[in-house]
Protein backbone atom coordinates (compact mmCIF):
# COMPACT_ATOMS: atom_id res chain seq x y z
CA MET A 1 110.66 79.89 79.54
CA ASN A 2 109.01 77.61 82.02
CA ILE A 3 108.57 79.48 85.29
CA LYS A 4 106.58 77.89 88.07
CA GLN A 5 103.28 79.53 88.85
CA SER A 6 104.13 79.80 92.54
CA TYR A 7 107.29 81.75 91.70
CA ARG A 8 105.35 84.08 89.39
CA LEU A 9 102.76 84.71 92.10
CA ILE A 10 105.45 85.52 94.64
CA GLN A 11 107.06 87.98 92.23
CA LEU A 12 103.71 89.55 91.41
CA ASN A 13 102.89 89.88 95.10
CA GLU A 14 106.21 91.62 95.78
CA SER A 15 105.65 93.96 92.87
CA VAL A 16 102.18 94.91 94.08
CA ARG A 17 103.46 95.51 97.60
CA ASN A 18 106.16 97.82 96.25
CA GLN A 19 103.64 99.73 94.15
CA MET A 20 101.30 100.12 97.11
CA GLU A 21 104.11 101.46 99.25
CA VAL A 22 105.05 103.99 96.58
CA LEU A 23 101.44 105.12 96.23
CA GLN A 24 100.93 105.42 99.97
CA ASN A 25 104.00 107.63 100.26
CA ASN A 26 103.15 109.72 97.21
CA LYS A 27 102.45 113.37 98.01
CA ASN A 28 100.26 113.82 94.92
CA ILE A 29 97.98 110.95 95.94
CA LYS A 30 97.57 112.50 99.39
CA GLU A 31 96.66 115.82 97.78
CA LEU A 32 94.07 114.09 95.59
CA GLU A 33 92.53 112.50 98.67
CA LEU A 34 92.09 115.98 100.17
CA LEU A 35 90.68 117.53 97.00
CA PRO A 36 86.97 116.69 97.59
CA GLN A 37 87.10 118.31 101.02
CA GLN A 38 88.76 121.41 99.58
CA VAL A 39 86.19 121.64 96.79
CA ASN A 40 83.34 121.35 99.28
CA GLU A 41 84.84 124.07 101.43
CA ASP A 42 85.32 126.33 98.40
CA ASN A 43 81.75 125.75 97.23
CA LYS A 44 80.42 127.20 100.47
CA TYR A 45 81.69 130.57 99.31
CA LEU A 46 80.51 130.46 95.71
CA ILE A 47 77.66 132.77 94.74
CA ASP A 48 74.99 131.39 92.48
CA THR A 49 74.82 133.68 89.43
CA LYS A 50 72.14 131.86 87.45
């Protein structure tokens, strides 16, 4: 199989764009982005029991 490099790069670029779009629209990714803020807010209310 002899595929031109330019064609492979175009296909790879399209694949990466599709993956990025899926990740940007993924609810779970958005929740993960909010997790550090939620943890910080929860830690304000933790009592140190050491």
